[in-house]
Protein backbone atom coordinates (compact mmCIF):
# COMPACT_ATOMS: atom_id res chain seq x y z
CA UNK A 1 -60.87 8.55 32.62
CA UNK A 2 -61.11 12.12 33.94
CA UNK A 3 -58.21 14.44 33.08
CA UNK A 4 -57.01 17.14 35.48
CA UNK A 5 -54.84 18.76 32.80
CA UNK A 6 -55.45 19.17 29.07
CA UNK A 7 -53.66 16.36 27.19
CA UNK A 8 -51.70 17.48 24.13
CA UNK A 9 -50.24 14.76 21.92
CA UNK A 10 -47.41 16.05 19.76
CA UNK A 11 -46.97 13.70 16.79
CA UNK A 12 -43.48 13.89 15.39
CA UNK A 13 -41.05 11.77 13.42
CA UNK A 14 -39.20 12.06 10.14
CA UNK A 15 -41.28 13.06 7.13
CA UNK A 16 -42.73 10.08 5.23
CA UNK A 17 -42.76 7.99 8.40
CA UNK A 18 -46.53 7.75 8.69
CA UNK A 19 -47.14 10.82 10.83
CA UNK A 20 -50.18 11.81 8.77
CA UNK A 21 -51.68 8.33 9.07
CA UNK A 22 -51.07 8.37 12.80
CA UNK A 23 -52.59 11.82 13.36
CA UNK A 24 -55.54 11.01 11.10
CA UNK A 25 -56.20 7.86 13.08
CA UNK A 26 -56.13 9.74 16.40
CA UNK A 27 -58.60 12.27 15.02
CA UNK A 28 -60.98 9.45 14.14
CA UNK A 29 -60.55 8.10 17.66
CA UNK A 30 -61.86 11.34 19.14
CA UNK A 31 -58.84 13.63 19.50
CA UNK A 32 -59.11 17.22 18.30
CA UNK A 33 -56.89 18.65 15.54
CA UNK A 34 -56.70 22.47 15.86
CA UNK A 35 -58.22 24.22 12.88
CA UNK A 36 -57.67 25.12 10.13
CA UNK A 37 -55.77 22.08 8.89
CA UNK A 38 -53.34 21.88 5.98
CA UNK A 39 -55.41 20.81 2.99
CA UNK A 40 -54.94 17.43 1.35
CA UNK A 41 -52.93 17.35 -1.86
CA UNK A 42 -52.15 15.04 -4.77
CA UNK A 43 -49.11 13.76 -2.87
CA UNK A 44 -51.24 13.04 0.20
CA UNK A 45 -54.91 12.78 -0.81
CA UNK A 46 -55.93 11.27 2.55
CA UNK A 47 -54.91 14.45 4.35
CA UNK A 48 -52.05 15.72 6.51
CA UNK A 49 -53.94 16.43 9.77
CA UNK A 50 -51.54 19.28 10.50
CA UNK A 51 -52.70 22.58 12.03
CA UNK A 52 -51.83 25.23 9.45
CA UNK A 53 -50.64 27.68 12.10
CA UNK A 54 -48.17 25.20 13.60
CA UNK A 55 -46.71 24.32 10.21
CA UNK A 56 -46.27 28.00 9.34
CA UNK A 57 -44.78 28.69 12.78
CA UNK A 58 -42.12 26.00 12.55
CA UNK A 59 -41.23 26.62 8.90
CA UNK A 60 -40.90 30.37 9.42
CA UNK A 61 -38.49 29.99 12.30
CA UNK A 62 -36.50 27.23 10.60
CA UNK A 63 -36.13 29.50 7.57
CA UNK A 64 -34.92 32.31 9.81
CA UNK A 65 -32.26 29.95 11.16
CA UNK A 66 -31.41 28.56 7.69
CA UNK A 67 -32.18 25.05 8.97
CA UNK A 68 -33.49 22.14 6.93
CA UNK A 69 -36.36 19.88 8.01
CA UNK A 70 -33.92 17.08 8.78
CA UNK A 71 -30.63 18.93 9.20
CA UNK A 72 -27.63 16.68 9.70
CA UNK A 73 -25.49 19.36 11.40
CA UNK A 74 -24.96 18.80 15.14
CA UNK A 75 -24.39 22.56 15.50
CA UNK A 76 -28.02 23.14 14.49
CA UNK A 77 -29.08 22.23 18.03
CA UNK A 78 -27.09 25.11 19.52
CA UNK A 79 -28.43 27.47 16.86
CA UNK A 80 -32.00 26.69 17.89
CA UNK A 81 -31.19 26.98 21.61
CA UNK A 82 -29.64 30.42 21.12
CA UNK A 83 -32.61 31.48 19.01
CA UNK A 84 -35.11 30.40 21.67
CA UNK A 85 -33.24 32.37 24.32
CA UNK A 86 -35.01 35.52 23.13
CA UNK A 87 -38.35 34.04 24.19
CA UNK A 88 -40.13 35.38 21.09
CA UNK A 89 -41.06 31.99 19.56
CA UNK A 90 -42.40 30.87 22.94
CA UNK A 91 -44.55 34.00 23.19
CA UNK A 92 -46.07 33.30 19.75
CA UNK A 93 -46.71 29.66 20.61
CA UNK A 94 -48.22 30.58 23.99
CA UNK A 95 -50.70 32.98 22.42
CA UNK A 96 -51.80 30.43 19.81
CA UNK A 97 -52.06 27.47 22.18
CA UNK A 98 -53.91 29.53 24.77
CA UNK A 99 -56.49 30.38 22.13
CA UNK A 100 -56.84 26.70 21.14
CA UNK A 101 -57.64 25.74 24.72
CA UNK A 102 -60.63 28.09 24.63
CA UNK A 103 -62.15 27.18 21.25
CA UNK A 104 -65.73 25.87 21.58
CA UNK A 105 -65.28 23.18 18.92
CA UNK A 106 -62.59 21.48 21.03
CA UNK A 107 -64.87 20.98 24.01
CA UNK A 108 -63.15 18.61 26.42
CA UNK A 109 -61.40 16.66 23.67
CA UNK A 110 -57.74 15.81 23.89
CA UNK A 111 -55.60 17.75 21.40
CA UNK A 112 -53.35 16.23 18.75
CA UNK A 113 -50.78 18.37 16.92
CA UNK A 114 -48.79 16.75 14.14
CA UNK A 115 -45.67 18.31 12.64
CA UNK A 116 -42.42 16.52 11.70
CA UNK A 117 -40.52 19.76 12.47
CA UNK A 118 -41.65 19.90 16.10
CA UNK A 119 -38.59 18.22 17.61
CA UNK A 120 -36.45 21.27 16.76
CA UNK A 121 -38.58 23.37 19.09
CA UNK A 122 -39.20 20.78 21.79
CA UNK A 123 -38.05 23.13 24.56
CA UNK A 124 -40.50 25.80 23.40
CA UNK A 125 -43.37 23.29 23.50
CA UNK A 126 -42.34 22.10 26.95
CA UNK A 127 -42.09 25.64 28.36
CA UNK A 128 -45.40 26.81 26.92
CA UNK A 129 -47.22 23.61 27.93
CA UNK A 130 -46.03 24.00 31.50
CA UNK A 131 -47.10 27.66 31.56
CA UNK A 132 -50.61 26.76 30.37
CA UNK A 133 -50.98 23.64 32.53
CA UNK A 134 -51.05 21.43 29.44
CA UNK A 135 -49.94 17.80 29.72
CA UNK A 136 -47.53 17.39 26.79
CA UNK A 137 -47.07 13.86 25.43
CA UNK A 138 -44.83 12.81 22.53
CA UNK A 139 -45.89 10.23 19.94
CA UNK A 140 -43.26 9.28 17.37
CA UNK A 141 -43.94 7.45 14.11
CA UNK A 142 -41.16 5.07 13.09
CA UNK A 143 -40.33 3.90 9.59
CA UNK A 144 -37.20 2.18 8.33
CA UNK A 145 -34.64 4.80 7.18
CA UNK A 146 -34.07 3.08 3.82
CA UNK A 147 -37.77 3.47 3.03
CA UNK A 148 -37.83 7.09 4.24
CA UNK A 149 -34.76 8.11 2.24
CA UNK A 150 -35.68 6.02 -0.78
CA UNK A 151 -39.22 7.34 -1.02
CA UNK A 152 -37.89 10.88 -0.71
CA UNK A 153 -35.42 10.87 -3.61
CA UNK A 154 -35.47 7.63 -5.55
CA UNK A 155 -37.40 9.03 -8.51
CA UNK A 156 -35.21 12.09 -8.89
CA UNK A 157 -31.84 10.48 -8.18
CA UNK A 158 -32.32 7.41 -10.38
CA UNK A 159 -31.37 9.47 -13.43
CA UNK A 160 -28.49 11.33 -11.76
CA UNK A 161 -24.79 10.52 -11.50
CA UNK A 162 -23.53 8.07 -8.90
CA UNK A 163 -21.55 10.89 -7.27
CA UNK A 164 -24.63 13.08 -6.84
CA UNK A 165 -26.70 10.15 -5.63
CA UNK A 166 -24.09 9.20 -3.03
CA UNK A 167 -23.87 12.79 -1.80
CA UNK A 168 -27.62 13.35 -1.57
CA UNK A 169 -28.57 10.01 -0.06
CA UNK A 170 -25.70 10.14 2.43
CA UNK A 171 -26.92 13.55 3.55
CA UNK A 172 -30.48 12.26 3.86
CA UNK A 173 -29.48 9.19 5.89
CA UNK A 174 -27.36 11.38 8.18
CA UNK A 175 -30.32 13.74 8.53
CA UNK A 176 -32.57 10.81 9.43
CA UNK A 177 -30.15 9.62 12.12
CA UNK A 178 -29.80 13.11 13.58
CA UNK A 179 -33.56 13.78 13.55
CA UNK A 180 -34.31 10.37 15.09
CA UNK A 181 -31.83 10.94 17.91
CA UNK A 182 -33.13 14.46 18.62
CA UNK A 183 -36.77 13.37 18.52
CA UNK A 184 -36.08 10.57 20.98
CA UNK A 185 -34.20 12.96 23.24
CA UNK A 186 -37.06 15.48 23.15
CA UNK A 187 -39.52 13.11 24.80
CA UNK A 188 -37.34 11.76 27.58
CA UNK A 189 -38.61 12.19 31.10
CA UNK A 190 -42.28 12.51 30.18
CA UNK A 191 -45.13 10.52 28.72
CA UNK A 192 -44.20 9.24 25.30
CA UNK A 193 -44.80 6.40 22.88
CA UNK A 194 -43.37 5.06 19.63
CA UNK A 195 -45.24 3.16 16.92
CA UNK A 196 -43.95 1.52 13.76
CA UNK A 197 -45.67 2.58 10.56
CA UNK A 198 -45.83 -1.03 9.35
CA UNK A 199 -47.53 -2.10 12.59
CA UNK A 200 -50.08 0.71 12.28
CA UNK A 201 -51.00 -0.35 8.74
CA UNK A 202 -51.10 -4.05 9.55
CA UNK A 203 -53.39 -3.82 12.59
CA UNK A 204 -54.04 -0.34 13.96
CA UNK A 205 -55.93 -1.62 17.01
CA UNK A 206 -53.03 -3.79 18.19
CA UNK A 207 -50.47 -1.09 17.34
CA UNK A 208 -52.30 1.62 19.29
CA UNK A 209 -53.17 -0.43 22.39
CA UNK A 210 -49.77 0.19 24.03
CA UNK A 211 -49.85 3.81 22.82
CA UNK A 212 -53.17 4.36 24.59
CA UNK A 213 -51.72 2.99 27.82
CA UNK A 214 -48.33 4.71 27.59
CA UNK A 215 -49.86 8.12 26.83
CA UNK A 216 -52.87 7.66 29.12
CA UNK A 217 -55.38 8.57 26.39
CA UNK A 218 -59.13 8.15 26.03
CA UNK A 219 -60.20 6.74 22.66
CA UNK A 220 -63.75 6.94 21.35
CA UNK A 221 -63.81 3.17 20.81
CA UNK A 222 -62.82 -0.05 22.51
CA UNK A 223 -59.62 -1.26 20.82
CA UNK A 224 -60.42 -4.83 21.79
CA UNK A 225 -63.58 -4.68 19.69
CA UNK A 226 -63.41 -5.86 16.10
CA UNK A 227 -66.55 -4.04 15.02
CA UNK A 228 -66.08 -1.92 11.91
CA UNK A 229 -64.70 1.54 12.68
CA UNK A 230 -64.02 4.66 10.60
CA UNK A 231 -60.29 4.01 10.98
CA UNK A 232 -60.76 0.76 9.03
CA UNK A 233 -61.73 2.87 6.00
CA UNK A 234 -58.74 5.17 6.53
CA UNK A 235 -55.87 2.78 7.26
CA UNK A 236 -54.90 -0.05 4.95
CA UNK A 237 -51.65 -1.93 4.15
CA UNK A 238 -51.58 -0.63 0.54
CA UNK A 239 -50.65 2.82 1.90
CA UNK A 240 -47.08 1.56 2.26
CA UNK A 241 -46.01 2.28 -1.30
CA UNK A 242 -42.23 2.30 -0.74
CA UNK A 243 -40.68 -0.96 0.48
CA UNK A 244 -37.00 -0.32 -0.14
CA UNK A 245 -33.95 -1.78 1.62
CA UNK A 246 -30.37 -0.67 2.17
CA UNK A 247 -29.53 -2.23 -1.22
CA UNK A 248 -31.52 0.60 -2.79
CA UNK A 249 -29.68 3.39 -0.97
CA UNK A 250 -26.20 4.72 -1.82
CA UNK A 251 -24.41 5.70 1.39
CA UNK A 252 -21.24 4.67 3.29
CA UNK A 253 -21.37 1.36 5.14
CA UNK A 254 -20.68 2.82 8.58
CA UNK A 255 -23.61 5.23 8.22
CA UNK A 256 -25.94 2.41 7.14
CA UNK A 257 -24.86 0.41 10.19
CA UNK A 258 -25.44 3.40 12.48
CA UNK A 259 -28.89 4.13 11.03
CA UNK A 260 -29.86 0.47 11.22
CA UNK A 261 -28.86 0.27 14.89
CA UNK A 262 -30.79 3.44 15.72
CA UNK A 263 -33.81 1.94 13.97
CA UNK A 264 -33.53 -1.29 15.98
CA UNK A 265 -33.09 0.58 19.28
CA UNK A 266 -36.10 2.78 18.64
CA UNK A 267 -38.04 -0.39 18.02
CA UNK A 268 -37.24 -1.47 21.58
CA UNK A 269 -38.83 1.77 22.81
CA UNK A 270 -42.20 0.80 21.28
CA UNK A 271 -42.67 -1.58 24.22
CA UNK A 272 -40.49 0.09 26.87
CA UNK A 273 -40.28 3.82 26.08
CA UNK A 274 -37.77 4.56 28.86
CA UNK A 275 -35.53 1.48 28.75
CA UNK A 276 -32.27 2.55 30.44
CA UNK A 277 -29.92 0.33 28.44
CA UNK A 278 -31.44 1.46 25.15
CA UNK A 279 -31.21 5.13 26.08
CA UNK A 280 -27.58 4.72 27.13
CA UNK A 281 -26.70 3.13 23.79
CA UNK A 282 -28.54 5.86 21.88
CA UNK A 283 -26.48 8.44 23.78
CA UNK A 284 -23.28 6.63 22.75
CA UNK A 285 -24.38 6.64 19.12
CA UNK A 286 -25.25 10.33 19.35
CA UNK A 287 -21.73 11.11 20.60
CA UNK A 288 -20.22 8.93 17.86
CA UNK A 289 -22.33 10.67 15.21
CA UNK A 290 -21.22 14.10 16.41
CA UNK A 291 -17.55 13.05 16.35
CA UNK A 292 -17.80 11.51 12.89
CA UNK A 293 -19.52 14.61 11.57
CA UNK A 294 -16.68 16.77 12.88
CA UNK A 295 -14.18 14.44 11.20
CA UNK A 296 -16.06 14.71 7.91
CA UNK A 297 -16.08 18.51 8.07
CA UNK A 298 -12.34 18.55 8.75
CA UNK A 299 -11.66 16.05 5.98
CA UNK A 300 -13.54 18.11 3.41
CA UNK A 301 -12.04 21.48 4.42
CA UNK A 302 -10.12 21.98 1.15
CA UNK A 303 -13.14 20.92 -0.92
CA UNK A 304 -15.44 23.32 0.92
CA UNK A 305 -12.94 26.16 0.65
CA UNK A 306 -12.46 25.57 -3.09
CA UNK A 307 -16.21 25.42 -3.71
CA UNK A 308 -16.70 28.65 -1.75
CA UNK A 309 -13.94 30.36 -3.76
CA UNK A 310 -15.45 29.26 -7.07
CA UNK A 311 -18.94 30.33 -6.00
CA UNK A 312 -17.61 33.75 -5.00
CA UNK A 313 -15.80 34.09 -8.30
CA UNK A 314 -18.95 33.22 -10.25
CA UNK A 315 -20.93 35.78 -8.24
CA UNK A 316 -18.34 38.48 -8.94
CA UNK A 317 -18.29 37.63 -12.66
CA UNK A 318 -22.07 37.85 -12.80
CA UNK A 319 -22.01 41.16 -10.95
CA UNK A 320 -19.31 42.50 -13.26
CA UNK A 321 -21.38 41.51 -16.30
CA UNK A 322 -24.41 43.32 -14.85
CA UNK A 323 -22.40 46.48 -14.27
CA UNK A 324 -20.94 46.41 -17.77
CA UNK A 325 -24.39 45.97 -19.33
CA UNK A 326 -25.82 48.82 -17.28
CA UNK A 327 -22.93 51.05 -18.31
CA UNK A 328 -23.68 50.31 -21.95
CA UNK A 329 -27.34 51.11 -21.34
CA UNK A 330 -26.33 54.31 -19.59
CA UNK A 331 -24.13 55.40 -22.50
CA UNK A 332 -26.92 54.65 -24.94
CA UNK A 333 -29.36 56.69 -22.90
CA UNK A 334 -27.00 59.63 -22.83
CA UNK A 335 -26.71 59.57 -26.61
CA UNK A 336 -30.45 59.44 -27.21
CA UNK A 337 -31.76 61.29 -24.18
CA UNK A 338 -32.01 64.63 -25.96
CA UNK A 339 -34.59 63.62 -28.57
CA UNK A 340 -37.83 61.70 -28.64
CA UNK A 341 -39.22 61.01 -32.14
CA UNK A 342 -42.77 60.65 -30.75
CA UNK A 343 -42.84 64.34 -29.87
CA UNK A 344 -43.42 63.60 -26.19
CA UNK A 345 -41.34 65.45 -23.61
CA UNK A 346 -37.94 63.80 -23.66
CA UNK A 347 -35.90 62.74 -20.71
CA UNK A 348 -32.69 64.72 -20.52
CA UNK A 349 -29.37 62.99 -20.58
CA UNK A 350 -28.67 63.80 -16.94
CA UNK A 351 -32.07 62.57 -15.85
CA UNK A 352 -31.68 59.38 -17.86
CA UNK A 353 -28.29 58.85 -16.31
CA UNK A 354 -29.73 59.35 -12.83
CA UNK A 355 -32.48 56.82 -13.54
CA UNK A 356 -30.01 54.25 -14.75
CA UNK A 357 -27.68 54.86 -11.84
CA UNK A 358 -30.56 54.13 -9.51
CA UNK A 359 -31.25 50.97 -11.51
CA UNK A 360 -27.63 49.93 -11.03
CA UNK A 361 -27.94 50.34 -7.30
CA UNK A 362 -31.21 48.39 -7.20
CA UNK A 363 -29.87 45.50 -9.22
CA UNK A 364 -26.66 45.24 -7.25
CA UNK A 365 -28.33 45.42 -3.86
CA UNK A 366 -30.67 42.59 -4.86
CA UNK A 367 -27.72 40.27 -5.31
């Protein structure tokens, strides 16, 4: 079908949810991935299908804000909003996307950009897309939170203490809930679709049929045809290596229940992406999550304060040890600065002291 505006499909979703498989499939169905792409690796030999510039853009700004990929803090949303108020990230994104619209290799192809960090900067993408007359559409990959969290840390945490495992996995489940809620919120009001990772692997044609309709996309194949396609060589059920359940994840019961309900509600959106009752319930859960997070912060106030005090004390002790060692080095230099057994011009005591004083300043300012 003819397009009056350039379609841009933004593939998002929590990491390890099948976003790479989804973007790789869309590329094989005729959509254009802006170049250069992030190279495949041992952890993902089939490829990431992520534009390198977009990944660098999001990571650089998240680092500037001291945000994690899936940050469980509700306050992170306001941090990003305040950061975007300067307009600088939008200007960068506008320049890059404008250039992508003019690249010869794209032709008239629809664009697909995959990055699990994109939901943090949804407003920037919306603003820039509107400025450039680009039709932004959100496509979210869904995978059960127990599998996402388990595949992320199960190998590392299996040998750790129960206390550390509970802390880390609770943080990761909370991060999944927060990211899922924010990603869903980002696509409201526009064209969007959701697809389960398991459905994509089981039968990609059936899984993508509603996506094609919901996002109004042109695919370079007839999904009703069962003739062999390049996607058949790319997608297969064996790609789902982690099949964990809540029994494999250490986290409080209320958080498991919340994550499970969010997962079920997002599943409803695969068929009806703007179901009013589902969206209302997700909003209620979002408010509950924010309130519970505030309670948790208040409950752990003494713990956080004690940890901060101990960390500050350790930093001061380390700094004091550095100063003492440099003072010893300085005294030694003063004693031996007047003579050089090699016969080379020696450094005077005052000059040696000055050099070491500068070293002190450098070492302390690096801390």
